[in-house]
């Protein structure tokens, strides 16, 4: 996987400059990115602050951890049901 060139904090800073009135073409030239990248970032990060982004990342990590716990419990339950359904 290709390493990211910009951090989320840098992306939010670029988007704030755009919201402040800077032209997209000027921003793209200054930061060395394409127009498509700017608009993709805008679709993904519009309206977020750095604190919101950190909180979102923490919630996503917690959600991923909880989903894994549920999957493991479901597998354990399935295994127990199979063992109990066999006639000894």
C-alpha atoms as a PDB file:
ATOM      1  CA  UNK A   1       0.000   0.000   0.000  1.00  0.00           C
ATOM      2  CA  UNK A   2       1.302   3.441  -0.893  1.00  0.00           C
ATOM      3  CA  UNK A   3       2.261   5.660   2.013  1.00  0.00           C
ATOM      4  CA  UNK A   4       0.166   8.747   2.458  1.00  0.00           C
ATOM      5  CA  UNK A   5       1.774  11.984   1.538  1.00  0.00           C
ATOM      6  CA  UNK A   6      -0.364  14.164   3.786  1.00  0.00           C
ATOM      7  CA  UNK A   7      -1.637  13.610   7.310  1.00  0.00           C
ATOM      8  CA  UNK A   8      -5.278  14.190   8.131  1.00  0.00           C
ATOM      9  CA  UNK A   9      -4.329  17.335  10.031  1.00  0.00           C
ATOM     10  CA  UNK A  10      -2.589  18.726   6.954  1.00  0.00           C
ATOM     11  CA  UNK A  11      -5.572  17.844   4.782  1.00  0.00           C
ATOM     12  CA  UNK A  12      -7.933  19.677   7.133  1.00  0.00           C
ATOM     13  CA  UNK A  13      -5.631  22.718   7.083  1.00  0.00           C
ATOM     14  CA  UNK A  14      -5.672  22.746   3.260  1.00  0.00           C
ATOM     15  CA  UNK A  15      -9.478  22.479   3.232  1.00  0.00           C
ATOM     16  CA  UNK A  16      -9.770  25.354   5.699  1.00  0.00           C
ATOM     17  CA  UNK A  17      -7.670  27.499   3.374  1.00  0.00           C
ATOM     18  CA  UNK A  18     -10.063  26.604   0.579  1.00  0.00           C
ATOM     19  CA  UNK A  19     -13.046  27.537   2.731  1.00  0.00           C
ATOM     20  CA  UNK A  20     -11.371  30.839   3.556  1.00  0.00           C
ATOM     21  CA  UNK A  21     -11.493  31.785  -0.101  1.00  0.00           C
ATOM     22  CA  UNK A  22      -8.304  30.500  -1.688  1.00  0.00           C
ATOM     23  CA  UNK A  23      -8.690  29.200  -5.222  1.00  0.00           C
ATOM     24  CA  UNK A  24      -8.530  25.445  -5.666  1.00  0.00           C
ATOM     25  CA  UNK A  25      -5.998  25.727  -8.492  1.00  0.00           C
ATOM     26  CA  UNK A  26      -3.685  27.812  -6.292  1.00  0.00           C
ATOM     27  CA  UNK A  27      -3.951  25.370  -3.401  1.00  0.00           C
ATOM     28  CA  UNK A  28      -3.248  22.417  -5.661  1.00  0.00           C
ATOM     29  CA  UNK A  29      -0.185  24.109  -7.128  1.00  0.00           C
ATOM     30  CA  UNK A  30       1.140  25.165  -3.718  1.00  0.00           C
ATOM     31  CA  UNK A  31       0.726  21.729  -2.090  1.00  0.00           C
ATOM     32  CA  UNK A  32       1.513  19.632  -5.157  1.00  0.00           C
ATOM     33  CA  UNK A  33      -1.752  17.738  -5.461  1.00  0.00           C
ATOM     34  CA  UNK A  34      -4.420  17.304  -8.094  1.00  0.00           C
ATOM     35  CA  UNK A  35      -7.852  18.888  -8.226  1.00  0.00           C
ATOM     36  CA  UNK A  36      -9.372  15.437  -7.847  1.00  0.00           C
ATOM     37  CA  UNK A  37      -7.491  14.894  -4.586  1.00  0.00           C
ATOM     38  CA  UNK A  38      -8.779  18.183  -3.231  1.00  0.00           C
ATOM     39  CA  UNK A  39     -12.386  17.342  -4.058  1.00  0.00           C
ATOM     40  CA  UNK A  40     -12.042  13.791  -2.681  1.00  0.00           C
ATOM     41  CA  UNK A  41     -10.672  15.239   0.548  1.00  0.00           C
ATOM     42  CA  UNK A  42     -13.490  17.772   0.630  1.00  0.00           C
ATOM     43  CA  UNK A  43     -16.074  15.003   0.280  1.00  0.00           C
ATOM     44  CA  UNK A  44     -14.458  12.977   3.051  1.00  0.00           C
ATOM     45  CA  UNK A  45     -13.300  15.605   5.547  1.00  0.00           C
ATOM     46  CA  UNK A  46     -15.638  18.581   4.976  1.00  0.00           C
ATOM     47  CA  UNK A  47     -16.714  20.198   8.222  1.00  0.00           C
ATOM     48  CA  UNK A  48     -14.368  18.186  10.460  1.00  0.00           C
ATOM     49  CA  UNK A  49     -11.928  19.672  12.894  1.00  0.00           C
ATOM     50  CA  UNK A  50      -8.762  17.962  14.067  1.00  0.00           C
ATOM     51  CA  UNK A  51     -10.435  17.026  17.369  1.00  0.00           C
ATOM     52  CA  UNK A  52     -13.441  15.574  15.535  1.00  0.00           C
ATOM     53  CA  UNK A  53     -11.121  13.534  13.346  1.00  0.00           C
ATOM     54  CA  UNK A  54      -9.206  12.138  16.317  1.00  0.00           C
ATOM     55  CA  UNK A  55     -12.471  11.220  18.038  1.00  0.00           C
ATOM     56  CA  UNK A  56     -13.737   9.581  14.841  1.00  0.00           C
ATOM     57  CA  UNK A  57     -10.563   7.492  14.540  1.00  0.00           C
ATOM     58  CA  UNK A  58     -10.860   6.423  18.194  1.00  0.00           C
ATOM     59  CA  UNK A  59     -14.501   5.433  17.726  1.00  0.00           C
ATOM     60  CA  UNK A  60     -13.668   3.464  14.580  1.00  0.00           C
ATOM     61  CA  UNK A  61     -10.916   1.589  16.425  1.00  0.00           C
ATOM     62  CA  UNK A  62     -13.275   0.794  19.308  1.00  0.00           C
ATOM     63  CA  UNK A  63     -15.981  -0.337  16.878  1.00  0.00           C
ATOM     64  CA  UNK A  64     -13.503  -2.616  15.102  1.00  0.00           C
ATOM     65  CA  UNK A  65     -12.449  -4.137  18.441  1.00  0.00           C
ATOM     66  CA  UNK A  66     -16.058  -4.711  19.545  1.00  0.00           C
ATOM     67  CA  UNK A  67     -16.962  -6.326  16.213  1.00  0.00           C
ATOM     68  CA  UNK A  68     -14.063  -8.721  16.621  1.00  0.00           C
ATOM     69  CA  UNK A  69     -15.237  -9.648  20.120  1.00  0.00           C
ATOM     70  CA  UNK A  70     -18.759 -10.347  18.826  1.00  0.00           C
ATOM     71  CA  UNK A  71     -17.392 -12.463  15.971  1.00  0.00           C
ATOM     72  CA  UNK A  72     -15.302 -14.528  18.391  1.00  0.00           C
ATOM     73  CA  UNK A  73     -18.292 -15.068  20.686  1.00  0.00           C
ATOM     74  CA  UNK A  74     -20.472 -16.121  17.755  1.00  0.00           C
ATOM     75  CA  UNK A  75     -17.845 -18.650  16.717  1.00  0.00           C
ATOM     76  CA  UNK A  76     -17.640 -19.985  20.281  1.00  0.00           C
ATOM     77  CA  UNK A  77     -21.437 -20.298  20.425  1.00  0.00           C
ATOM     78  CA  UNK A  78     -21.529 -22.152  17.130  1.00  0.00           C
ATOM     79  CA  UNK A  79     -18.840 -24.560  18.315  1.00  0.00           C
ATOM     80  CA  UNK A  80     -20.713 -25.242  21.557  1.00  0.00           C
ATOM     81  CA  UNK A  81     -23.982 -25.851  19.697  1.00  0.00           C
ATOM     82  CA  UNK A  82     -22.276 -28.356  17.412  1.00  0.00           C
ATOM     83  CA  UNK A  83     -20.803 -30.200  20.373  1.00  0.00           C
ATOM     84  CA  UNK A  84     -24.117 -30.322  22.230  1.00  0.00           C
ATOM     85  CA  UNK A  85     -26.082 -31.492  19.201  1.00  0.00           C
ATOM     86  CA  UNK A  86     -23.992 -34.654  18.778  1.00  0.00           C
ATOM     87  CA  UNK A  87     -25.353 -37.812  20.318  1.00  0.00           C
ATOM     88  CA  UNK A  88     -22.855 -39.535  22.527  1.00  0.00           C
END
